[in-house]
Amino acid sequence: MDRVAVARLVAKSWIETYVSELGPDIAARLLDQLDRDDMTGLLPGADETVFLARGRNGLRGCVTSAARHGITYLWGLYVLQEFQRKGIGRELVERAVRAHGSKNSVELTVLKSSVSARRFYTSLGFQFASDEDFEILPGISLPAEKMGAPASEVVSQDRPTY
């Protein structure tokens, strides 16, 4: 995996999303976190996998996943704005879910302010599970919701693009 390319993709995605959602100061602090060795948890640990969507000119999207105790956890799903609504996010989620088995349940956390992301996950079969606070930076938590779905519902042949 090309760490530099993933960092570039995530940085561009964060700028596209978080400057307007969270303001330039918090977005800049988030970008500083990409300099950490694990890129703020986006690089895979021992039991984690990153799935990449590549195009002719580089990375278009990524998602990180892990399976633990019958649950597939997803985080760090980013698709560059110019490639959104082309099925890339759905394909990344489905690849990650398939890799961990169709008998698992699937869970993720999404910021409440990310309305389009919540709508996207709902279109894949995810449902609201609980409210929570998500710490995006030390001392800064934002309202979020945990969403979940059976893996068999997330991986579908006949799902329309949202």
Protein backbone atom coordinates (compact mmCIF):
# COMPACT_ATOMS: atom_id res chain seq x y z
CA MET A 1 0.00 0.00 0.00
CA ASP A 2 1.24 3.45 -0.89
CA ARG A 3 1.10 5.39 2.39
CA VAL A 4 1.78 8.74 0.68
CA ALA A 5 -1.04 8.24 -1.85
CA VAL A 6 -3.48 7.28 0.92
CA ALA A 7 -2.45 10.32 2.97
CA ARG A 8 -3.01 12.57 -0.07
CA LEU A 9 -6.44 11.03 -0.71
CA VAL A 10 -7.50 11.41 2.93
CA ALA A 11 -6.17 14.98 3.15
CA LYS A 12 -8.08 16.02 0.02
CA SER A 13 -11.24 14.29 1.27
CA TRP A 14 -10.95 15.94 4.68
CA ILE A 15 -10.49 19.37 3.09
CA GLU A 16 -13.49 18.80 0.80
CA THR A 17 -15.65 17.70 3.71
CA TYR A 18 -14.47 19.04 7.03
CA VAL A 19 -13.56 22.66 6.23
CA SER A 20 -17.24 23.43 5.56
CA GLU A 21 -18.59 21.06 8.26
CA LEU A 22 -16.17 21.78 11.10
CA GLY A 23 -14.41 25.02 10.15
CA PRO A 24 -10.86 25.65 8.93
CA ASP A 25 -9.19 25.51 12.38
CA ILE A 26 -10.42 22.02 13.27
CA ALA A 27 -9.81 20.82 9.70
CA ALA A 28 -6.21 22.04 9.89
CA ARG A 29 -5.72 20.23 13.21
CA LEU A 30 -7.11 17.04 11.67
CA LEU A 31 -4.71 17.34 8.75
CA ASP A 32 -1.81 17.63 11.20
CA GLN A 33 -2.83 14.21 12.57
CA LEU A 34 -1.99 12.61 9.21
CA ASP A 35 1.69 13.05 10.09
CA ARG A 36 1.39 10.40 12.83
CA ASP A 37 2.91 7.02 12.02
CA ASP A 38 -0.52 5.34 11.85
CA MET A 39 -2.16 8.31 10.09
CA THR A 40 -4.71 8.62 12.92
CA GLY A 41 -5.68 4.98 12.74
CA LEU A 42 -6.27 4.93 8.99
CA LEU A 43 -3.34 2.65 8.27
CA PRO A 44 -4.08 -0.95 9.08
CA GLY A 45 -2.96 -2.61 12.27
CA ALA A 46 -2.25 -6.33 12.54
CA ASP A 47 -5.87 -7.44 12.09
CA GLU A 48 -7.04 -4.60 9.84
CA THR A 49 -7.23 -4.17 6.07
CA VAL A 50 -7.36 -1.12 3.80
CA PHE A 51 -9.22 -1.48 0.52
CA LEU A 52 -8.33 0.94 -2.27
CA ALA A 53 -10.14 2.14 -5.37
CA ARG A 54 -7.63 3.09 -8.05
CA GLY A 55 -8.05 4.95 -11.30
CA ARG A 56 -5.72 5.97 -14.10
CA ASN A 57 -4.52 9.02 -12.20
CA GLY A 58 -4.22 7.53 -8.73
CA LEU A 59 -6.41 6.67 -5.77
CA ARG A 60 -10.08 7.52 -5.89
CA GLY A 61 -11.18 6.08 -2.56
CA CYS A 62 -10.34 3.90 0.44
CA VAL A 63 -11.92 2.16 3.42
CA THR A 64 -10.38 0.45 6.45
CA SER A 65 -11.94 -2.62 8.06
CA ALA A 66 -11.43 -5.29 10.69
CA ALA A 67 -13.40 -8.35 11.79
CA ARG A 68 -13.56 -9.01 15.51
CA HIS A 69 -15.84 -11.43 17.35
CA GLY A 70 -18.34 -11.77 14.49
CA ILE A 71 -18.53 -8.06 13.71
CA THR A 72 -17.00 -6.34 10.70
CA TYR A 73 -16.03 -2.79 11.64
CA LEU A 74 -15.67 -0.15 8.91
CA TRP A 75 -14.01 3.25 9.21
CA GLY A 76 -12.13 5.75 7.11
CA LEU A 77 -14.33 5.49 4.00
CA TYR A 78 -13.26 8.33 1.74
CA VAL A 79 -14.03 8.88 -1.94
CA LEU A 80 -12.78 12.00 -3.69
CA GLN A 81 -15.62 14.38 -4.49
CA GLU A 82 -15.21 14.14 -8.27
CA PHE A 83 -15.69 10.35 -8.07
CA GLN A 84 -18.64 10.27 -5.69
CA ARG A 85 -22.00 8.87 -6.87
CA LYS A 86 -20.24 6.50 -9.27
CA GLY A 87 -20.50 3.34 -7.13
CA ILE A 88 -16.95 3.52 -5.74
CA GLY A 89 -17.99 3.89 -2.10
CA ARG A 90 -20.48 1.06 -2.41
CA GLU A 91 -17.89 -1.19 -4.05
CA LEU A 92 -15.33 -0.43 -1.34
CA VAL A 93 -17.83 -1.23 1.43
CA GLU A 94 -18.93 -4.43 -0.31
CA ARG A 95 -15.32 -5.57 -0.84
CA ALA A 96 -14.52 -5.01 2.82
CA VAL A 97 -17.66 -6.81 3.98
CA ARG A 98 -17.11 -9.77 1.62
CA ALA A 99 -13.52 -10.13 2.83
CA HIS A 100 -14.72 -10.70 6.39
CA GLY A 101 -17.60 -13.08 5.71
CA SER A 102 -21.32 -12.87 5.11
CA LYS A 103 -22.23 -14.20 8.56
CA ASN A 104 -20.86 -11.15 10.37
CA SER A 105 -22.81 -8.08 11.30
CA VAL A 106 -21.31 -4.79 10.12
CA GLU A 107 -20.89 -1.64 12.22
CA LEU A 108 -19.64 1.87 11.62
CA THR A 109 -19.82 5.31 13.19
CA VAL A 110 -20.72 8.41 11.19
CA LEU A 111 -20.86 12.05 12.27
CA LYS A 112 -24.38 13.46 12.59
CA SER A 113 -23.24 16.46 10.52
CA SER A 114 -22.36 14.13 7.61
CA VAL A 115 -25.91 14.00 6.24
CA SER A 116 -24.92 12.67 2.81
CA ALA A 117 -22.77 9.93 4.39
CA ARG A 118 -25.66 8.84 6.63
CA ARG A 119 -27.96 8.77 3.59
CA PHE A 120 -25.36 6.72 1.67
CA TYR A 121 -25.01 4.13 4.46
CA THR A 122 -28.79 3.89 4.81
CA SER A 123 -29.01 3.14 1.08
CA LEU A 124 -26.66 0.19 1.68
CA GLY A 125 -28.95 -1.28 4.33
CA PHE A 126 -27.42 0.23 7.48
CA GLN A 127 -29.78 1.31 10.24
CA PHE A 128 -29.41 3.58 13.23
CA ALA A 129 -28.15 1.68 16.29
CA SER A 130 -27.27 4.36 18.85
CA ASP A 131 -26.18 7.92 19.44
CA GLU A 132 -22.65 8.54 20.63
CA ASP A 133 -20.00 11.21 20.87
CA PHE A 134 -17.04 10.70 18.54
CA GLU A 135 -13.70 12.19 19.56
CA ILE A 136 -12.18 13.58 16.35
CA LEU A 137 -9.30 15.26 18.20
CA PRO A 138 -8.19 15.12 21.83
CA GLY A 139 -10.81 17.06 23.75
CA ILE A 140 -13.08 17.62 20.73
CA SER A 141 -16.06 15.29 20.41
CA LEU A 142 -18.89 15.60 17.93
CA PRO A 143 -22.34 14.03 17.86
CA ALA A 144 -22.31 10.80 15.87
CA GLU A 145 -24.41 7.74 15.35
CA LYS A 146 -23.49 4.11 15.27
CA MET A 147 -25.08 2.26 12.36
CA GLY A 148 -25.28 -1.45 11.74
CA ALA A 149 -26.49 -4.07 9.29
CA PRO A 150 -26.21 -7.78 8.64
CA ALA A 151 -23.40 -8.39 6.12
CA SER A 152 -25.84 -10.24 3.88
CA GLU A 153 -27.88 -7.05 3.49
CA VAL A 154 -24.88 -4.84 2.76
CA VAL A 155 -23.60 -7.06 -0.05
CA SER A 156 -26.32 -6.97 -2.69
CA GLN A 157 -26.36 -7.63 -6.42
CA ASP A 158 -29.39 -5.50 -7.29
CA ARG A 159 -28.98 -2.36 -5.23
CA PRO A 160 -29.58 0.92 -7.08
CA THR A 161 -26.95 3.66 -6.80
CA TYR A 162 -28.09 6.24 -4.24
